Amino acid sequence: PPGCRGSDVVVVGGGNSAGQAAMFLSQHTRHLWLLLRGDDLRRNMSSYLADRVEGAENVTVLRQTEIRRMVGDERLEAVEVEDVPTGATRRIETPAVFSFIGAAPRTSWLPPGIQTDARGFVLTGRAVALPAERARARDPSTLETSRPGIFAAGDVRQGSVKRVSSAVGEGAM
């Protein structure tokens, strides 16, 4: 990524997306710091990927660590991180932080007629539960919500793969 080549960068997250990003970015950066809130890299990451991350010479995994402050005037210059169990802090000079800490749908603003799952992701297509009393001339289209003619695309949709390229493709549909 522009501005990161040859720099130290920070990736936050412990799942497969964070691991994949760490492996990609580590090929283009001087050093990569992978910050985990937890202490087990294999909890949410495939073993083969965790092995690659831990084996990369220019990757340091900081467990039980959280960003406490981002520093910079016109652009990011550094992050201050805390080792939560000890309270020890360190400053990492970096032009970039990449966050892979999970997707939380922000759907509370939707009208009640648009169905979501228990976590708030919008139901579309076959996942839409049609009430027995409401007959429909047709089943909902793949990206159509419980409100005919209203569609959802990308990360907000239940069952999406949570990738930009997929969201763009769904939007184009």
N, C-alpha and C. Protein backbone atom coordinates (compact mmCIF):
# COMPACT_ATOMS: atom_id res chain seq x y z
N PRO A 1 0.82 -1.20 0.00
CA PRO A 1 0.00 0.00 0.00
C PRO A 1 0.86 1.25 0.00
N PRO A 2 0.44 2.29 -0.69
CA PRO A 2 1.21 3.54 -0.73
C PRO A 2 1.51 4.07 0.66
N GLY A 3 2.72 4.52 0.86
CA GLY A 3 3.10 5.08 2.15
C GLY A 3 3.53 4.06 3.17
N CYS A 4 3.36 2.77 2.86
CA CYS A 4 3.70 1.73 3.82
C CYS A 4 4.96 0.96 3.43
N ARG A 5 5.29 1.01 2.16
CA ARG A 5 6.43 0.23 1.66
C ARG A 5 7.69 0.62 2.43
N GLY A 6 8.33 -0.38 3.02
CA GLY A 6 9.55 -0.14 3.77
C GLY A 6 9.35 0.42 5.16
N SER A 7 8.11 0.55 5.59
CA SER A 7 7.79 1.09 6.93
C SER A 7 7.41 -0.02 7.88
N ASP A 8 7.22 0.34 9.13
CA ASP A 8 6.62 -0.55 10.11
C ASP A 8 5.12 -0.30 10.06
N VAL A 9 4.31 -1.36 10.03
CA VAL A 9 2.86 -1.20 10.04
C VAL A 9 2.26 -2.07 11.14
N VAL A 10 1.03 -1.72 11.51
CA VAL A 10 0.32 -2.44 12.56
C VAL A 10 -0.94 -3.05 11.97
N VAL A 11 -1.17 -4.31 12.28
CA VAL A 11 -2.42 -4.99 11.95
C VAL A 11 -3.06 -5.39 13.27
N VAL A 12 -4.34 -5.09 13.41
CA VAL A 12 -5.07 -5.42 14.63
C VAL A 12 -6.09 -6.50 14.30
N GLY A 13 -6.04 -7.60 15.02
CA GLY A 13 -7.00 -8.68 14.82
C GLY A 13 -6.35 -10.03 14.93
N GLY A 14 -7.16 -11.05 15.21
CA GLY A 14 -6.62 -12.38 15.40
C GLY A 14 -7.26 -13.46 14.56
N GLY A 15 -8.09 -13.07 13.60
CA GLY A 15 -8.74 -14.05 12.75
C GLY A 15 -8.00 -14.26 11.44
N ASN A 16 -8.59 -15.07 10.57
CA ASN A 16 -7.96 -15.37 9.29
C ASN A 16 -7.74 -14.13 8.43
N SER A 17 -8.69 -13.18 8.45
CA SER A 17 -8.51 -11.97 7.66
C SER A 17 -7.28 -11.20 8.11
N ALA A 18 -7.08 -11.09 9.40
CA ALA A 18 -5.91 -10.40 9.94
C ALA A 18 -4.64 -11.15 9.56
N GLY A 19 -4.67 -12.46 9.66
CA GLY A 19 -3.50 -13.27 9.31
C GLY A 19 -3.14 -13.15 7.84
N GLN A 20 -4.14 -13.19 6.98
CA GLN A 20 -3.90 -13.05 5.54
C GLN A 20 -3.34 -11.66 5.23
N ALA A 21 -3.92 -10.64 5.85
CA ALA A 21 -3.42 -9.28 5.63
C ALA A 21 -1.98 -9.16 6.14
N ALA A 22 -1.70 -9.73 7.28
CA ALA A 22 -0.35 -9.67 7.84
C ALA A 22 0.66 -10.32 6.90
N MET A 23 0.31 -11.46 6.34
CA MET A 23 1.23 -12.14 5.44
C MET A 23 1.45 -11.33 4.16
N PHE A 24 0.39 -10.75 3.63
CA PHE A 24 0.53 -9.93 2.43
C PHE A 24 1.36 -8.68 2.71
N LEU A 25 0.98 -7.95 3.75
CA LEU A 25 1.67 -6.70 4.07
C LEU A 25 3.13 -6.92 4.46
N SER A 26 3.43 -8.02 5.11
CA SER A 26 4.81 -8.28 5.55
C SER A 26 5.76 -8.42 4.37
N GLN A 27 5.23 -8.69 3.19
CA GLN A 27 6.07 -8.79 1.99
C GLN A 27 6.51 -7.41 1.49
N HIS A 28 5.82 -6.36 1.94
CA HIS A 28 6.06 -5.02 1.43
C HIS A 28 6.52 -4.03 2.49
N THR A 29 6.60 -4.47 3.73
CA THR A 29 6.94 -3.57 4.82
C THR A 29 8.22 -4.02 5.50
N ARG A 30 8.83 -3.09 6.24
CA ARG A 30 10.04 -3.44 6.98
C ARG A 30 9.69 -4.38 8.14
N HIS A 31 8.66 -3.97 8.90
CA HIS A 31 8.25 -4.80 10.04
C HIS A 31 6.74 -4.68 10.23
N LEU A 32 6.13 -5.74 10.67
CA LEU A 32 4.69 -5.75 10.92
C LEU A 32 4.44 -6.18 12.35
N TRP A 33 3.62 -5.41 13.02
CA TRP A 33 3.21 -5.70 14.39
C TRP A 33 1.77 -6.20 14.33
N LEU A 34 1.52 -7.42 14.77
CA LEU A 34 0.16 -7.98 14.81
C LEU A 34 -0.32 -7.92 16.25
N LEU A 35 -1.37 -7.13 16.49
CA LEU A 35 -1.90 -6.95 17.84
C LEU A 35 -3.12 -7.83 18.05
N LEU A 36 -3.08 -8.63 19.11
CA LEU A 36 -4.20 -9.49 19.49
C LEU A 36 -4.75 -9.04 20.82
N ARG A 37 -6.07 -8.96 20.93
CA ARG A 37 -6.67 -8.70 22.25
C ARG A 37 -6.51 -9.92 23.14
N GLY A 38 -6.62 -11.09 22.57
CA GLY A 38 -6.48 -12.34 23.33
C GLY A 38 -5.05 -12.80 23.38
N ASP A 39 -4.87 -14.04 23.85
CA ASP A 39 -3.51 -14.55 23.97
C ASP A 39 -3.23 -15.76 23.08
N ASP A 40 -4.23 -16.22 22.33
CA ASP A 40 -4.07 -17.43 21.52
C ASP A 40 -4.29 -17.12 20.05
N LEU A 41 -3.22 -17.13 19.29
CA LEU A 41 -3.29 -16.83 17.86
C LEU A 41 -4.14 -17.87 17.12
N ARG A 42 -4.18 -19.09 17.61
CA ARG A 42 -4.91 -20.16 16.93
C ARG A 42 -6.40 -20.23 17.30
N ARG A 43 -6.83 -19.37 18.20
CA ARG A 43 -8.24 -19.40 18.61
C ARG A 43 -9.17 -19.10 17.44
N ASN A 44 -8.86 -18.06 16.65
CA ASN A 44 -9.70 -17.66 15.53
C ASN A 44 -8.98 -17.68 14.19
N MET A 45 -7.78 -18.25 14.18
CA MET A 45 -6.99 -18.29 12.95
C MET A 45 -6.63 -19.74 12.64
N SER A 46 -6.66 -20.10 11.37
CA SER A 46 -6.27 -21.44 10.95
C SER A 46 -4.85 -21.73 11.39
N SER A 47 -4.60 -22.96 11.80
CA SER A 47 -3.27 -23.34 12.29
C SER A 47 -2.18 -23.08 11.26
N TYR A 48 -2.44 -23.44 9.98
CA TYR A 48 -1.42 -23.25 8.96
C TYR A 48 -1.07 -21.76 8.82
N LEU A 49 -2.08 -20.90 8.92
CA LEU A 49 -1.85 -19.46 8.79
C LEU A 49 -1.13 -18.92 10.02
N ALA A 50 -1.52 -19.37 11.19
CA ALA A 50 -0.84 -18.96 12.42
C ALA A 50 0.63 -19.37 12.37
N ASP A 51 0.91 -20.57 11.84
CA ASP A 51 2.30 -21.02 11.70
C ASP A 51 3.09 -20.09 10.78
N ARG A 52 2.47 -19.67 9.68
CA ARG A 52 3.14 -18.76 8.74
C ARG A 52 3.40 -17.41 9.39
N VAL A 53 2.40 -16.89 10.11
CA VAL A 53 2.56 -15.59 10.79
C VAL A 53 3.69 -15.67 11.80
N GLU A 54 3.67 -16.69 12.63
CA GLU A 54 4.71 -16.82 13.67
C GLU A 54 6.08 -17.10 13.08
N GLY A 55 6.13 -17.68 11.89
CA GLY A 55 7.41 -17.99 11.25
C GLY A 55 7.98 -16.85 10.41
N ALA A 56 7.19 -15.82 10.17
CA ALA A 56 7.67 -14.70 9.36
C ALA A 56 8.70 -13.90 10.15
N GLU A 57 9.85 -13.66 9.54
CA GLU A 57 10.95 -12.98 10.22
C GLU A 57 10.64 -11.55 10.61
N ASN A 58 9.81 -10.87 9.84
CA ASN A 58 9.56 -9.45 10.11
C ASN A 58 8.18 -9.20 10.72
N VAL A 59 7.62 -10.23 11.38
CA VAL A 59 6.33 -10.09 12.04
C VAL A 59 6.50 -10.35 13.53
N THR A 60 6.00 -9.44 14.34
CA THR A 60 5.97 -9.62 15.79
C THR A 60 4.53 -9.66 16.23
N VAL A 61 4.17 -10.72 16.95
CA VAL A 61 2.80 -10.86 17.47
C VAL A 61 2.81 -10.36 18.92
N LEU A 62 1.98 -9.37 19.19
CA LEU A 62 1.84 -8.84 20.54
C LEU A 62 0.49 -9.30 21.07
N ARG A 63 0.50 -10.22 22.02
CA ARG A 63 -0.72 -10.77 22.59
C ARG A 63 -1.24 -9.90 23.72
N GLN A 64 -2.55 -9.97 23.94
CA GLN A 64 -3.21 -9.20 25.00
C GLN A 64 -2.79 -7.73 24.96
N THR A 65 -2.82 -7.19 23.75
CA THR A 65 -2.36 -5.83 23.51
C THR A 65 -3.44 -5.04 22.79
N GLU A 66 -3.62 -3.80 23.19
CA GLU A 66 -4.63 -2.94 22.58
C GLU A 66 -4.05 -1.56 22.30
N ILE A 67 -4.54 -0.93 21.24
CA ILE A 67 -4.14 0.45 20.94
C ILE A 67 -4.82 1.37 21.94
N ARG A 68 -4.03 2.25 22.52
CA ARG A 68 -4.56 3.22 23.48
C ARG A 68 -4.61 4.63 22.90
N ARG A 69 -3.73 4.90 21.92
CA ARG A 69 -3.68 6.25 21.37
C ARG A 69 -3.05 6.20 19.99
N MET A 70 -3.59 7.03 19.09
CA MET A 70 -3.00 7.21 17.77
C MET A 70 -2.44 8.62 17.72
N VAL A 71 -1.23 8.78 17.20
CA VAL A 71 -0.51 10.04 17.27
C VAL A 71 -0.20 10.54 15.86
N GLY A 72 -0.43 11.84 15.64
CA GLY A 72 -0.08 12.45 14.36
C GLY A 72 -0.86 13.73 14.16
N ASP A 73 -0.30 14.63 13.37
CA ASP A 73 -0.97 15.88 13.08
C ASP A 73 -1.71 15.78 11.75
N GLU A 74 -1.00 15.76 10.66
CA GLU A 74 -1.60 15.69 9.33
C GLU A 74 -1.87 14.25 8.91
N ARG A 75 -1.16 13.32 9.49
CA ARG A 75 -1.28 11.90 9.15
C ARG A 75 -0.86 11.09 10.37
N LEU A 76 -1.13 9.81 10.32
CA LEU A 76 -0.72 8.93 11.42
C LEU A 76 0.81 8.84 11.45
N GLU A 77 1.36 9.02 12.64
CA GLU A 77 2.81 8.93 12.82
C GLU A 77 3.19 7.77 13.74
N ALA A 78 2.31 7.46 14.70
CA ALA A 78 2.63 6.42 15.67
C ALA A 78 1.37 5.96 16.38
N VAL A 79 1.46 4.79 16.99
CA VAL A 79 0.40 4.32 17.89
C VAL A 79 1.04 3.96 19.22
N GLU A 80 0.29 4.22 20.26
CA GLU A 80 0.72 3.78 21.58
C GLU A 80 -0.13 2.59 21.95
N VAL A 81 0.53 1.49 22.31
CA VAL A 81 -0.18 0.25 22.62
C VAL A 81 0.10 -0.14 24.06
N GLU A 82 -0.86 -0.88 24.62
CA GLU A 82 -0.72 -1.31 26.01
C GLU A 82 -0.79 -2.83 26.10
N ASP A 83 0.15 -3.41 26.82
CA ASP A 83 0.08 -4.81 27.19
C ASP A 83 -0.90 -4.85 28.37
N VAL A 84 -2.11 -5.32 28.12
CA VAL A 84 -3.19 -5.19 29.10
C VAL A 84 -2.88 -5.84 30.45
N PRO A 85 -2.35 -7.07 30.51
CA PRO A 85 -2.10 -7.66 31.83
C PRO A 85 -1.08 -6.90 32.68
N THR A 86 -0.07 -6.32 32.02
CA THR A 86 0.98 -5.65 32.79
C THR A 86 0.80 -4.14 32.87
N GLY A 87 0.05 -3.57 31.93
CA GLY A 87 -0.11 -2.13 31.87
C GLY A 87 1.05 -1.43 31.17
N ALA A 88 2.05 -2.21 30.74
CA ALA A 88 3.20 -1.63 30.06
C ALA A 88 2.77 -1.08 28.70
N THR A 89 3.31 0.09 28.34
CA THR A 89 2.98 0.69 27.06
C THR A 89 4.23 0.79 26.20
N ARG A 90 4.00 0.85 24.90
CA ARG A 90 5.08 1.08 23.95
C ARG A 90 4.55 1.91 22.81
N ARG A 91 5.44 2.60 22.17
CA ARG A 91 5.10 3.44 21.03
C ARG A 91 5.67 2.77 19.78
N ILE A 92 4.81 2.63 18.78
CA ILE A 92 5.23 2.05 17.50
C ILE A 92 5.10 3.15 16.45
N GLU A 93 6.23 3.52 15.86
CA GLU A 93 6.22 4.50 14.77
C GLU A 93 5.66 3.82 13.54
N THR A 94 4.58 4.35 12.98
CA THR A 94 3.94 3.72 11.83
C THR A 94 3.08 4.72 11.06
N PRO A 95 3.03 4.56 9.75
CA PRO A 95 2.13 5.40 8.96
C PRO A 95 0.76 4.76 8.75
N ALA A 96 0.59 3.50 9.25
CA ALA A 96 -0.66 2.80 8.93
C ALA A 96 -1.05 1.77 9.98
N VAL A 97 -2.36 1.72 10.25
CA VAL A 97 -2.96 0.68 11.08
C VAL A 97 -4.07 0.05 10.26
N PHE A 98 -4.05 -1.27 10.18
CA PHE A 98 -5.08 -2.01 9.47
C PHE A 98 -5.89 -2.78 10.51
N SER A 99 -7.18 -2.54 10.54
CA SER A 99 -8.05 -3.14 11.55
C SER A 99 -8.88 -4.27 10.96
N PHE A 100 -8.74 -5.44 11.54
CA PHE A 100 -9.52 -6.62 11.15
C PHE A 100 -10.13 -7.22 12.42
N ILE A 101 -11.01 -6.44 13.06
CA ILE A 101 -11.52 -6.85 14.36
C ILE A 101 -12.98 -7.30 14.31
N GLY A 102 -13.45 -7.63 13.13
CA GLY A 102 -14.80 -8.15 13.02
C GLY A 102 -15.78 -7.12 12.50
N ALA A 103 -16.85 -7.64 12.00
CA ALA A 103 -17.87 -6.77 11.41
C ALA A 103 -19.05 -6.69 12.36
N ALA A 104 -19.42 -5.49 12.69
CA ALA A 104 -20.62 -5.27 13.49
C ALA A 104 -21.60 -4.49 12.62
N PRO A 105 -22.71 -5.11 12.27
CA PRO A 105 -23.66 -4.39 11.41
C PRO A 105 -24.27 -3.21 12.17
N ARG A 106 -24.42 -2.13 11.49
CA ARG A 106 -25.03 -0.94 12.08
C ARG A 106 -26.41 -0.77 11.44
N THR A 107 -27.35 -1.60 11.89
CA THR A 107 -28.66 -1.66 11.24
C THR A 107 -29.81 -1.23 12.15
N SER A 108 -29.51 -0.67 13.29
CA SER A 108 -30.59 -0.30 14.22
C SER A 108 -31.51 0.77 13.63
N TRP A 109 -31.08 1.49 12.64
CA TRP A 109 -31.87 2.56 12.02
C TRP A 109 -32.89 2.01 11.02
N LEU A 110 -32.76 0.75 10.63
CA LEU A 110 -33.67 0.20 9.63
C LEU A 110 -35.10 0.12 10.16
N PRO A 111 -36.07 0.29 9.27
CA PRO A 111 -37.47 0.15 9.71
C PRO A 111 -37.75 -1.29 10.13
N PRO A 112 -38.73 -1.49 11.01
CA PRO A 112 -39.01 -2.83 11.54
C PRO A 112 -39.36 -3.85 10.46
N GLY A 113 -39.82 -3.43 9.31
CA GLY A 113 -40.20 -4.37 8.26
C GLY A 113 -39.04 -5.06 7.58
N ILE A 114 -37.83 -4.62 7.84
CA ILE A 114 -36.66 -5.28 7.24
C ILE A 114 -36.09 -6.24 8.29
N GLN A 115 -36.15 -7.53 7.96
CA GLN A 115 -35.74 -8.56 8.91
C GLN A 115 -34.22 -8.64 9.02
N THR A 116 -33.77 -8.85 10.27
CA THR A 116 -32.36 -9.08 10.54
C THR A 116 -32.24 -10.33 11.39
N ASP A 117 -31.03 -10.87 11.46
CA ASP A 117 -30.80 -12.01 12.35
C ASP A 117 -30.55 -11.48 13.76
N ALA A 118 -30.24 -12.36 14.69
CA ALA A 118 -30.06 -11.97 16.09
C ALA A 118 -28.89 -11.00 16.28
N ARG A 119 -27.91 -11.01 15.36
CA ARG A 119 -26.75 -10.13 15.46
C ARG A 119 -26.95 -8.82 14.71
N GLY A 120 -28.05 -8.69 13.96
CA GLY A 120 -28.33 -7.45 13.24
C GLY A 120 -28.02 -7.47 11.76
N PHE A 121 -27.54 -8.60 11.23
CA PHE A 121 -27.27 -8.70 9.81
C PHE A 121 -28.59 -8.84 9.05
N VAL A 122 -28.70 -8.16 7.91
CA VAL A 122 -29.94 -8.13 7.13
C VAL A 122 -30.14 -9.46 6.40
N LEU A 123 -31.36 -9.99 6.54
CA LEU A 123 -31.72 -11.22 5.83
C LEU A 123 -32.10 -10.88 4.40
N THR A 124 -31.62 -11.68 3.47
CA THR A 124 -31.93 -11.47 2.06
C THR A 124 -32.23 -12.81 1.39
N GLY A 125 -32.90 -12.72 0.24
CA GLY A 125 -33.16 -13.92 -0.57
C GLY A 125 -33.90 -14.99 0.19
N ARG A 126 -33.40 -16.21 0.11
CA ARG A 126 -34.06 -17.37 0.75
C ARG A 126 -34.08 -17.30 2.27
N ALA A 127 -33.21 -16.48 2.85
CA ALA A 127 -33.16 -16.36 4.31
C ALA A 127 -34.34 -15.55 4.85
N VAL A 128 -35.03 -14.82 3.98
CA VAL A 128 -36.17 -14.01 4.41
C VAL A 128 -37.32 -14.92 4.79
N ALA A 129 -37.82 -14.73 5.99
CA ALA A 129 -38.96 -15.52 6.46
C ALA A 129 -40.24 -14.77 6.11
N LEU A 130 -41.02 -15.36 5.25
CA LEU A 130 -42.28 -14.73 4.86
C LEU A 130 -43.40 -15.21 5.77
N PRO A 131 -44.12 -14.30 6.41
CA PRO A 131 -45.23 -14.70 7.26
C PRO A 131 -46.28 -15.44 6.42
N ALA A 132 -46.91 -16.41 7.03
CA ALA A 132 -47.91 -17.22 6.32
C ALA A 132 -49.05 -16.38 5.79
N GLU A 133 -49.40 -15.34 6.54
CA GLU A 133 -50.55 -14.51 6.12
C GLU A 133 -50.21 -13.58 4.96
N ARG A 134 -48.94 -13.46 4.63
CA ARG A 134 -48.54 -12.55 3.57
C ARG A 134 -48.08 -13.35 2.35
N ALA A 135 -48.96 -13.52 1.43
CA ALA A 135 -48.62 -14.25 0.21
C ALA A 135 -47.85 -13.32 -0.71
N ARG A 136 -46.92 -13.87 -1.41
CA ARG A 136 -46.10 -13.10 -2.33
C ARG A 136 -46.17 -13.76 -3.69
N ALA A 137 -46.23 -12.97 -4.72
CA ALA A 137 -46.30 -13.50 -6.07
C ALA A 137 -45.00 -14.22 -6.45
N ARG A 138 -43.91 -13.86 -5.78
CA ARG A 138 -42.61 -14.46 -6.10
C ARG A 138 -41.74 -14.51 -4.85
N ASP A 139 -40.73 -15.35 -4.87
CA ASP A 139 -39.76 -15.38 -3.79
C ASP A 139 -38.85 -14.16 -3.91
N PRO A 140 -38.25 -13.72 -2.80
CA PRO A 140 -37.33 -12.58 -2.87
C PRO A 140 -36.11 -12.91 -3.75
N SER A 141 -35.62 -11.92 -4.48
CA SER A 141 -34.39 -12.09 -5.25
C SER A 141 -33.22 -12.29 -4.30
N THR A 142 -32.08 -12.69 -4.82
CA THR A 142 -30.91 -13.03 -4.01
C THR A 142 -30.57 -11.96 -2.97
N LEU A 143 -30.54 -10.70 -3.34
CA LEU A 143 -30.14 -9.63 -2.43
C LEU A 143 -31.33 -8.83 -1.90
N GLU A 144 -32.54 -9.29 -2.17
CA GLU A 144 -33.74 -8.56 -1.75
C GLU A 144 -34.06 -8.85 -0.29
N THR A 145 -34.43 -7.81 0.42
CA THR A 145 -34.78 -7.95 1.84
C THR A 145 -36.24 -8.37 1.99
N SER A 146 -36.71 -8.36 3.21
CA SER A 146 -38.10 -8.71 3.49
C SER A 146 -39.07 -7.64 3.00
N ARG A 147 -38.58 -6.50 2.59
CA ARG A 147 -39.40 -5.46 1.98
C ARG A 147 -39.21 -5.52 0.48
N PRO A 148 -40.22 -5.90 -0.28
CA PRO A 148 -40.07 -6.01 -1.74
C PRO A 148 -39.50 -4.73 -2.34
N GLY A 149 -38.49 -4.90 -3.20
CA GLY A 149 -37.87 -3.76 -3.86
C GLY A 149 -36.75 -3.11 -3.08
N ILE A 150 -36.49 -3.55 -1.85
CA ILE A 150 -35.39 -3.03 -1.03
C ILE A 150 -34.32 -4.11 -0.98
N PHE A 151 -33.08 -3.75 -1.33
CA PHE A 151 -31.99 -4.71 -1.44
C PHE A 151 -30.88 -4.36 -0.46
N ALA A 152 -30.10 -5.36 -0.09
CA ALA A 152 -28.93 -5.16 0.78
C ALA A 152 -27.74 -5.83 0.12
N ALA A 153 -26.58 -5.18 0.22
CA ALA A 153 -25.36 -5.71 -0.38
C ALA A 153 -24.20 -5.50 0.57
N GLY A 154 -23.23 -6.37 0.48
CA GLY A 154 -22.00 -6.21 1.25
C GLY A 154 -22.07 -6.75 2.66
N ASP A 155 -21.21 -6.21 3.51
CA ASP A 155 -21.01 -6.74 4.86
C ASP A 155 -22.26 -6.77 5.72
N VAL A 156 -23.22 -5.89 5.47
CA VAL A 156 -24.42 -5.80 6.29
C VAL A 156 -25.35 -7.00 6.08
N ARG A 157 -25.12 -7.75 5.01
CA ARG A 157 -26.00 -8.85 4.64
C ARG A 157 -25.57 -10.14 5.34
N GLN A 158 -26.53 -10.83 5.94
CA GLN A 158 -26.23 -12.12 6.56
C GLN A 158 -25.67 -13.08 5.51
N GLY A 159 -24.57 -13.73 5.84
CA GLY A 159 -23.99 -14.71 4.93
C GLY A 159 -23.01 -14.14 3.92
N SER A 160 -22.78 -12.84 3.92
CA SER A 160 -21.81 -12.27 2.99
C SER A 160 -20.41 -12.70 3.40
N VAL A 161 -19.46 -12.62 2.48
CA VAL A 161 -18.10 -13.07 2.78
C VAL A 161 -17.22 -11.99 3.40
N LYS A 162 -17.76 -10.81 3.60
CA LYS A 162 -17.06 -9.70 4.29
C LYS A 162 -15.75 -9.33 3.59
N ARG A 163 -15.81 -9.14 2.29
CA ARG A 163 -14.67 -8.69 1.51
C ARG A 163 -15.12 -7.55 0.60
N VAL A 164 -14.28 -6.58 0.39
CA VAL A 164 -14.62 -5.42 -0.42
C VAL A 164 -15.00 -5.85 -1.83
N SER A 165 -14.23 -6.74 -2.42
CA SER A 165 -14.51 -7.14 -3.80
C SER A 165 -15.89 -7.79 -3.91
N SER A 166 -16.28 -8.56 -2.92
CA SER A 166 -17.61 -9.18 -2.93
C SER A 166 -18.70 -8.13 -2.79
N ALA A 167 -18.48 -7.17 -1.90
CA ALA A 167 -19.47 -6.10 -1.70
C ALA A 167 -19.64 -5.29 -2.98
N VAL A 168 -18.55 -5.01 -3.67
CA VAL A 168 -18.62 -4.27 -4.91
C VAL A 168 -19.39 -5.08 -5.95
N GLY A 169 -19.11 -6.37 -6.01
CA GLY A 169 -19.83 -7.23 -6.94
C GLY A 169 -21.31 -7.29 -6.65
N GLU A 170 -21.64 -7.42 -5.36
CA GLU A 170 -23.05 -7.44 -4.98
C GLU A 170 -23.72 -6.12 -5.32
N GLY A 171 -23.04 -5.01 -5.08
CA GLY A 171 -23.58 -3.70 -5.41
C GLY A 171 -23.84 -3.56 -6.90
N ALA A 172 -22.97 -4.14 -7.71
CA ALA A 172 -23.12 -4.07 -9.15
C ALA A 172 -24.30 -4.91 -9.63
N MET A 173 -24.61 -5.95 -8.87
CA MET A 173 -25.77 -6.79 -9.24
C MET A 173 -27.03 -5.98 -9.21
